[in-house]
């Protein structure tokens, strides 16, 4: 063995011996540190023994005495029928264009009536002159031709007046749909209520792909978190809101809703078959991980957490939960306490 090779082996042995000594020293130090921490009472706290996993679900066990001390309250909720809904966005419309169109149609009707009256008179004069000219020849050819020209001119004027009226009526239907178009043409009570501000015309537009298969006869909205305001369908709208690009409908809102032209709103449209279940008050909801939850008491001392859709609201403002076990009760007070207790099961903390 060469001298250089021997020197290298001695160096590697020294490094290995040093590493072993360091490891033994660290093990000894760690053991002493752990012993010292235990002597000082520093030890990890296990997860809450109140939380158990049953069939993959966290179950919180709290006895009646602790429920009372923690302010946990539960209620038994009556069954309700919930109508699934879709959100539509609307704008209160100014009725003045409808009034202007109605005035134009009324003027066109008056022109047509005048044209018809003049045509009737001209036709009678033409027929009388024609008879005299052919049979008795008591009128000249010039008189006959003048009566004929007057009759033809009035017939043309009547046709023009009818075309103008029909065009305005068609424009009304194309711009506002058949119901409003007819109301404008006939100056029906629907138009009168809009012009007198007894009702407010609202255009609702469902986002693309969210429109129900048929226009719902009713919808509702809440203004400033108040009571729901009912909207009554007029007809499907022949135009859309360019900002939303979805299917639009015309609805009527009562003047008491406080809507004025230009105001925007979010309304709820029925969508799908009704569902059976229960609805919980908003006070029962807690939020965690971006999701709304409620707690059910499905036994005297057992509580479980269930996800709910916060946007599924009943007309009274409660949140629809869906079907729950027959004897289950919903926690309406203390839900946050239960959530905190459950979360303790997922972490380990240290206390002095």
Protein backbone atom coordinates (compact mmCIF):
# COMPACT_ATOMS: atom_id res chain seq x y z
CA UNK A 1 0.00 0.00 0.00
CA UNK A 2 1.40 3.40 -0.92
CA UNK A 3 1.85 6.13 1.61
CA UNK A 4 -0.74 8.39 -0.12
CA UNK A 5 -3.41 5.64 -0.09
CA UNK A 6 -2.81 4.98 3.59
CA UNK A 7 -3.17 8.66 4.38
CA UNK A 8 -6.52 8.80 2.53
CA UNK A 9 -7.94 5.82 4.42
CA UNK A 10 -6.96 7.34 7.76
CA UNK A 11 -8.71 10.60 6.80
CA UNK A 12 -11.98 8.86 5.83
CA UNK A 13 -11.96 6.88 9.06
CA UNK A 14 -11.55 10.06 11.05
CA UNK A 15 -14.51 11.72 9.26
CA UNK A 16 -16.72 8.69 9.90
CA UNK A 17 -15.79 8.60 13.55
CA UNK A 18 -16.60 12.28 13.88
CA UNK A 19 -20.02 11.86 12.26
CA UNK A 20 -20.86 8.97 14.57
CA UNK A 21 -19.84 10.95 17.59
CA UNK A 22 -21.94 13.88 16.41
CA UNK A 23 -24.96 11.69 15.92
CA UNK A 24 -24.57 10.18 19.35
CA UNK A 25 -24.16 13.62 20.83
CA UNK A 26 -27.30 14.94 19.05
CA UNK A 27 -29.27 11.91 20.14
CA UNK A 28 -28.13 12.45 23.70
CA UNK A 29 -28.95 16.18 23.47
CA UNK A 30 -32.38 15.55 21.92
CA UNK A 31 -33.19 13.01 24.58
CA UNK A 32 -32.21 15.43 27.33
CA UNK A 33 -34.27 18.21 25.66
CA UNK A 34 -37.34 16.03 25.43
CA UNK A 35 -36.88 14.95 29.04
CA UNK A 36 -36.55 18.57 30.11
CA UNK A 37 -39.68 19.57 28.19
CA UNK A 38 -41.65 16.74 29.77
CA UNK A 39 -40.42 17.77 33.22
CA UNK A 40 -41.67 21.31 32.53
CA UNK A 41 -45.08 20.00 31.44
CA UNK A 42 -44.60 20.79 27.75
CA UNK A 43 -46.42 18.12 25.78
CA UNK A 44 -48.69 18.03 22.71
CA UNK A 45 -52.43 18.10 23.23
CA UNK A 46 -54.32 15.41 21.37
CA UNK A 47 -57.31 16.16 19.19
CA UNK A 48 -60.62 16.81 20.90
CA UNK A 49 -62.04 13.53 22.23
CA UNK A 50 -65.51 14.89 21.46
CA UNK A 51 -65.04 14.41 17.71
CA UNK A 52 -65.27 10.92 16.26
CA UNK A 53 -65.27 9.68 12.70
CA UNK A 54 -68.33 7.56 11.98
CA UNK A 55 -68.78 6.17 8.47
CA UNK A 56 -66.34 8.78 7.16
CA UNK A 57 -68.22 11.67 8.76
CA UNK A 58 -67.15 13.79 11.73
CA UNK A 59 -69.58 13.45 14.62
CA UNK A 60 -69.35 15.86 17.54
CA UNK A 61 -70.54 14.45 20.87
CA UNK A 62 -71.64 17.07 23.42
CA UNK A 63 -73.87 16.25 26.34
CA UNK A 64 -76.94 18.25 27.31
CA UNK A 65 -75.20 20.12 30.15
CA UNK A 66 -72.39 21.31 27.89
CA UNK A 67 -74.90 22.24 25.20
CA UNK A 68 -76.65 24.50 27.67
CA UNK A 69 -73.38 26.07 28.85
CA UNK A 70 -72.28 26.67 25.25
CA UNK A 71 -75.59 28.23 24.22
CA UNK A 72 -76.34 25.58 21.63
CA UNK A 73 -79.97 25.69 20.54
CA UNK A 74 -81.79 23.52 18.04
CA UNK A 75 -85.19 23.60 16.37
CA UNK A 76 -87.31 21.12 14.47
CA UNK A 77 -88.09 22.63 11.08
CA UNK A 78 -91.36 22.07 9.19
CA UNK A 79 -91.29 20.65 5.71
CA UNK A 80 -91.38 23.13 2.83
CA UNK A 81 -91.56 22.97 -0.94
CA UNK A 82 -88.75 24.80 -2.65
CA UNK A 83 -88.81 25.96 -6.21
CA UNK A 84 -85.29 25.91 -7.75
CA UNK A 85 -84.48 29.27 -9.19
CA UNK A 86 -82.18 30.97 -11.64
CA UNK A 87 -80.92 34.51 -11.35
CA UNK A 88 -81.87 37.03 -14.03
CA UNK A 89 -80.67 40.59 -14.22
CA UNK A 90 -83.05 43.37 -15.05
CA UNK A 91 -83.53 47.04 -15.75
CA UNK A 92 -86.59 49.18 -15.15
CA UNK A 93 -87.56 50.71 -18.50
CA UNK A 94 -88.82 54.18 -19.35
CA UNK A 95 -92.40 53.91 -20.70
CA UNK A 96 -92.08 57.15 -22.71
CA UNK A 97 -91.12 55.38 -25.97
CA UNK A 98 -94.30 53.31 -25.62
CA UNK A 99 -96.31 56.49 -25.13
CA UNK A 100 -94.71 58.13 -28.17
CA UNK A 101 -95.40 55.06 -30.27
CA UNK A 102 -99.00 54.97 -29.08
CA UNK A 103 -99.41 58.63 -30.05
CA UNK A 104 -98.01 57.94 -33.51
CA UNK A 105 -100.39 55.00 -33.95
CA UNK A 106 -103.32 57.11 -32.75
CA UNK A 107 -102.42 59.83 -35.26
CA UNK A 108 -102.13 57.20 -38.00
CA UNK A 109 -105.56 55.85 -37.04
CA UNK A 110 -107.02 59.36 -37.27
CA UNK A 111 -105.45 59.88 -40.69
CA UNK A 112 -106.89 56.56 -41.81
CA UNK A 113 -110.36 57.49 -40.60
CA UNK A 114 -110.17 60.80 -42.44
CA UNK A 115 -108.97 59.04 -45.56
CA UNK A 116 -111.78 56.51 -45.31
CA UNK A 117 -114.38 59.27 -44.89
CA UNK A 118 -113.09 61.18 -47.86
CA UNK A 119 -112.91 58.00 -49.91
CA UNK A 120 -116.51 57.16 -49.08
CA UNK A 121 -117.66 60.61 -50.20
CA UNK A 122 -115.50 60.55 -53.31
CA UNK A 123 -116.72 57.07 -54.22
CA UNK A 124 -120.35 58.10 -53.91
CA UNK A 125 -119.77 61.19 -56.04
CA UNK A 126 -117.89 59.15 -58.60
CA UNK A 127 -120.64 56.52 -58.83
CA UNK A 128 -123.34 59.20 -59.15
CA UNK A 129 -121.41 61.07 -61.82
CA UNK A 130 -120.66 57.86 -63.65
CA UNK A 131 -124.34 56.92 -63.69
CA UNK A 132 -125.38 60.32 -64.95
CA UNK A 133 -122.68 60.35 -67.57
CA UNK A 134 -123.57 56.90 -68.91
CA UNK A 135 -127.34 57.03 -68.74
CA UNK A 136 -128.62 60.54 -68.97
CA UNK A 137 -125.51 62.38 -70.02
CA UNK A 138 -126.42 65.30 -67.80
CA UNK A 139 -122.75 65.73 -66.85
CA UNK A 140 -119.83 66.40 -69.07
CA UNK A 141 -116.93 64.03 -69.63
CA UNK A 142 -114.71 66.47 -67.78
CA UNK A 143 -116.93 66.33 -64.70
CA UNK A 144 -116.96 62.55 -64.82
CA UNK A 145 -113.20 62.37 -65.17
CA UNK A 146 -112.69 64.81 -62.29
CA UNK A 147 -114.94 62.71 -60.01
CA UNK A 148 -113.10 59.59 -61.07
CA UNK A 149 -109.70 61.19 -60.35
CA UNK A 150 -110.86 62.36 -56.92
CA UNK A 151 -112.09 58.87 -56.09
CA UNK A 152 -108.82 57.23 -57.17
CA UNK A 153 -106.75 59.80 -55.28
CA UNK A 154 -108.68 59.24 -52.07
CA UNK A 155 -108.42 55.50 -52.50
CA UNK A 156 -104.64 55.85 -52.75
CA UNK A 157 -104.54 58.08 -49.68
CA UNK A 158 -106.58 55.55 -47.76
CA UNK A 159 -104.22 52.76 -48.80
CA UNK A 160 -101.20 54.84 -47.76
CA UNK A 161 -102.78 55.63 -44.40
CA UNK A 162 -103.51 51.94 -43.84
CA UNK A 163 -99.94 50.98 -44.75
CA UNK A 164 -98.55 53.57 -42.33
CA UNK A 165 -100.80 52.34 -39.53
CA UNK A 166 -99.93 48.71 -40.19
CA UNK A 167 -96.23 49.60 -40.25
CA UNK A 168 -96.41 51.35 -36.88
CA UNK A 169 -98.34 48.42 -35.38
CA UNK A 170 -95.78 45.95 -36.74
CA UNK A 171 -92.94 48.08 -35.41
CA UNK A 172 -94.54 48.07 -31.99
CA UNK A 173 -94.76 44.28 -31.98
CA UNK A 174 -91.22 43.86 -33.31
CA UNK A 175 -89.76 46.21 -30.72
CA UNK A 176 -91.87 45.29 -27.71
CA UNK A 177 -93.36 41.86 -28.40
CA UNK A 178 -96.95 40.90 -29.21
CA UNK A 179 -98.48 41.70 -25.81
CA UNK A 180 -97.03 45.18 -25.43
CA UNK A 181 -97.34 45.85 -29.15
CA UNK A 182 -101.05 45.06 -29.04
CA UNK A 183 -101.49 47.14 -25.89
CA UNK A 184 -99.84 50.09 -27.61
CA UNK A 185 -101.91 49.71 -30.77
CA UNK A 186 -105.17 49.44 -28.83
CA UNK A 187 -104.11 51.82 -26.07
CA UNK A 188 -105.12 49.06 -23.68
CA UNK A 189 -105.21 49.31 -19.86
CA UNK A 190 -101.73 47.72 -19.74
CA UNK A 191 -100.30 50.76 -21.52
CA UNK A 192 -102.35 53.17 -19.42
CA UNK A 193 -101.01 51.69 -16.18
CA UNK A 194 -97.45 52.04 -17.44
CA UNK A 195 -97.91 55.64 -18.58
CA UNK A 196 -99.67 56.54 -15.33
CA UNK A 197 -96.78 54.95 -13.36
CA UNK A 198 -99.12 52.49 -11.69
CA UNK A 199 -96.88 49.67 -12.94
CA UNK A 200 -93.21 49.57 -13.90
CA UNK A 201 -91.97 47.70 -16.95
CA UNK A 202 -88.89 45.58 -16.25
CA UNK A 203 -86.73 43.72 -18.75
CA UNK A 204 -85.15 40.63 -17.19
CA UNK A 205 -82.34 38.77 -18.93
CA UNK A 206 -81.13 35.31 -17.94
CA UNK A 207 -77.43 34.59 -18.49
CA UNK A 208 -76.63 32.39 -21.50
CA UNK A 209 -77.55 28.77 -20.84
CA UNK A 210 -79.56 29.65 -17.70
CA UNK A 211 -82.90 30.51 -19.25
CA UNK A 212 -85.87 28.29 -18.30
CA UNK A 213 -87.55 26.38 -21.16
CA UNK A 214 -90.63 28.63 -21.01
CA UNK A 215 -91.12 32.16 -19.65
CA UNK A 216 -92.05 31.83 -15.95
CA UNK A 217 -95.39 33.51 -15.19
CA UNK A 218 -93.96 35.05 -12.02
CA UNK A 219 -90.60 36.12 -10.65
CA UNK A 220 -89.53 38.11 -7.62
CA UNK A 221 -86.76 40.32 -6.37
CA UNK A 222 -85.73 41.93 -3.10
CA UNK A 223 -84.85 45.58 -2.86
CA UNK A 224 -82.31 46.51 -0.20
CA UNK A 225 -82.83 43.17 1.52
CA UNK A 226 -86.53 43.82 2.11
CA UNK A 227 -89.54 41.64 1.47
CA UNK A 228 -89.82 39.90 -1.91
CA UNK A 229 -91.58 41.88 -4.63
CA UNK A 230 -93.57 39.86 -7.15
CA UNK A 231 -93.12 40.42 -10.87
CA UNK A 232 -95.79 39.43 -13.39
CA UNK A 233 -94.90 38.20 -16.86
CA UNK A 234 -95.96 40.28 -19.84
CA UNK A 235 -94.23 38.32 -22.61
CA UNK A 236 -90.91 37.17 -23.92
CA UNK A 237 -88.84 40.13 -25.08
CA UNK A 238 -87.82 40.32 -28.74
CA UNK A 239 -84.45 41.79 -27.75
CA UNK A 240 -81.69 41.12 -25.23
CA UNK A 241 -79.56 43.12 -22.87
CA UNK A 242 -76.28 43.60 -24.78
CA UNK A 243 -74.34 43.37 -21.51
CA UNK A 244 -75.65 39.88 -20.72
CA UNK A 245 -76.48 38.39 -24.13
CA UNK A 246 -79.14 36.02 -22.80
CA UNK A 247 -82.86 35.40 -23.26
CA UNK A 248 -84.96 38.35 -22.07
CA UNK A 249 -88.50 38.77 -20.75
CA UNK A 250 -90.78 41.69 -19.96
CA UNK A 251 -92.32 41.77 -16.48
CA UNK A 252 -94.49 44.19 -14.56
CA UNK A 253 -93.55 45.42 -11.10
CA UNK A 254 -95.96 47.38 -8.90
CA UNK A 255 -95.26 51.06 -8.44
CA UNK A 256 -94.91 50.38 -4.71
CA UNK A 257 -91.69 48.50 -5.47
CA UNK A 258 -89.93 51.84 -5.72
CA UNK A 259 -88.39 51.05 -9.08
CA UNK A 260 -87.83 53.97 -11.42
CA UNK A 261 -86.53 53.95 -15.01
CA UNK A 262 -82.86 53.08 -15.20
CA UNK A 263 -82.68 51.13 -11.93
CA UNK A 264 -81.11 47.67 -12.10
CA UNK A 265 -82.09 44.59 -10.12
CA UNK A 266 -81.36 40.90 -9.71
CA UNK A 267 -84.50 38.75 -9.83
CA UNK A 268 -85.16 35.08 -9.29
CA UNK A 269 -86.88 32.97 -11.93
CA UNK A 270 -88.38 29.52 -11.28
CA UNK A 271 -86.23 26.81 -12.87
CA UNK A 272 -86.89 23.09 -12.68
CA UNK A 273 -89.21 20.89 -10.66
CA UNK A 274 -90.06 21.79 -7.03
CA UNK A 275 -88.09 20.06 -4.25
CA UNK A 276 -89.25 18.86 -0.84
CA UNK A 277 -87.25 19.43 2.34
CA UNK A 278 -86.74 21.98 5.11
CA UNK A 279 -85.45 25.55 5.16
CA UNK A 280 -83.16 26.92 7.90
CA UNK A 281 -82.86 30.51 9.07
CA UNK A 282 -79.74 32.40 8.05
CA UNK A 283 -78.61 32.42 11.70
CA UNK A 284 -78.02 28.66 11.44
CA UNK A 285 -75.35 29.04 8.73
CA UNK A 286 -71.60 29.13 9.34
CA UNK A 287 -68.93 29.59 6.69
CA UNK A 288 -65.77 27.54 6.33
CA UNK A 289 -63.51 27.04 3.34
CA UNK A 290 -65.71 29.26 1.17
CA UNK A 291 -68.70 26.96 1.76
CA UNK A 292 -71.88 27.49 3.77
CA UNK A 293 -72.66 24.84 6.41
CA UNK A 294 -75.27 24.00 9.00
CA UNK A 295 -75.19 21.55 11.90
CA UNK A 296 -77.80 18.88 12.48
CA UNK A 297 -78.43 17.21 15.80
CA UNK A 298 -79.21 13.65 14.82
CA UNK A 299 -79.18 12.28 18.36
CA UNK A 300 -79.45 13.65 21.90
CA UNK A 301 -75.71 14.41 22.05
CA UNK A 302 -74.51 14.07 18.44
CA UNK A 303 -74.01 16.80 15.86
CA UNK A 304 -72.94 16.58 12.20
CA UNK A 305 -72.08 19.25 9.66
CA UNK A 306 -73.84 19.49 6.32
CA UNK A 307 -73.06 21.70 3.31
CA UNK A 308 -75.86 23.89 2.00
CA UNK A 309 -76.25 26.14 -1.04
CA UNK A 310 -76.47 29.67 0.34
CA UNK A 311 -78.15 30.93 -2.82
CA UNK A 312 -81.11 28.59 -2.45
CA UNK A 313 -83.41 31.04 -0.71
CA UNK A 314 -87.11 30.73 -0.03
CA UNK A 315 -89.40 33.71 -0.44
CA UNK A 316 -89.11 34.36 3.31
CA UNK A 317 -85.33 34.55 3.01
CA UNK A 318 -84.53 31.20 4.66
CA UNK A 319 -81.97 28.84 3.14
CA UNK A 320 -83.32 25.62 1.67
CA UNK A 321 -81.54 22.62 3.22
CA UNK A 322 -83.29 19.74 1.52
CA UNK A 323 -84.34 16.44 3.05
CA UNK A 324 -82.92 15.62 6.49
CA UNK A 325 -83.42 12.61 8.80
CA UNK A 326 -86.87 12.48 10.32
CA UNK A 327 -85.82 13.20 13.91
CA UNK A 328 -82.96 15.59 13.13
CA UNK A 329 -82.98 19.13 14.44
CA UNK A 330 -81.10 22.13 13.03
CA UNK A 331 -78.72 24.13 15.21
CA UNK A 332 -79.84 27.77 15.16
CA UNK A 333 -77.50 29.07 17.88
CA UNK A 334 -74.01 27.87 18.74
CA UNK A 335 -73.10 26.55 15.29
CA UNK A 336 -69.82 28.46 15.39
CA UNK A 337 -68.95 26.75 18.68
CA UNK A 338 -69.49 23.35 17.07
CA UNK A 339 -67.33 24.32 14.11
CA UNK A 340 -64.52 25.39 16.42
CA UNK A 341 -64.76 22.11 18.31
CA UNK A 342 -64.64 20.16 15.06
CA UNK A 343 -61.63 22.05 13.75
CA UNK A 344 -59.69 21.24 16.92
CA UNK A 345 -59.77 17.65 15.79
CA UNK A 346 -57.71 18.54 12.72
CA UNK A 347 -54.82 20.35 14.44
CA UNK A 348 -52.37 19.77 17.29
CA UNK A 349 -51.59 22.67 19.57
CA UNK A 350 -49.23 23.22 22.48
CA UNK A 351 -50.10 25.02 25.68
CA UNK A 352 -47.89 26.20 28.50
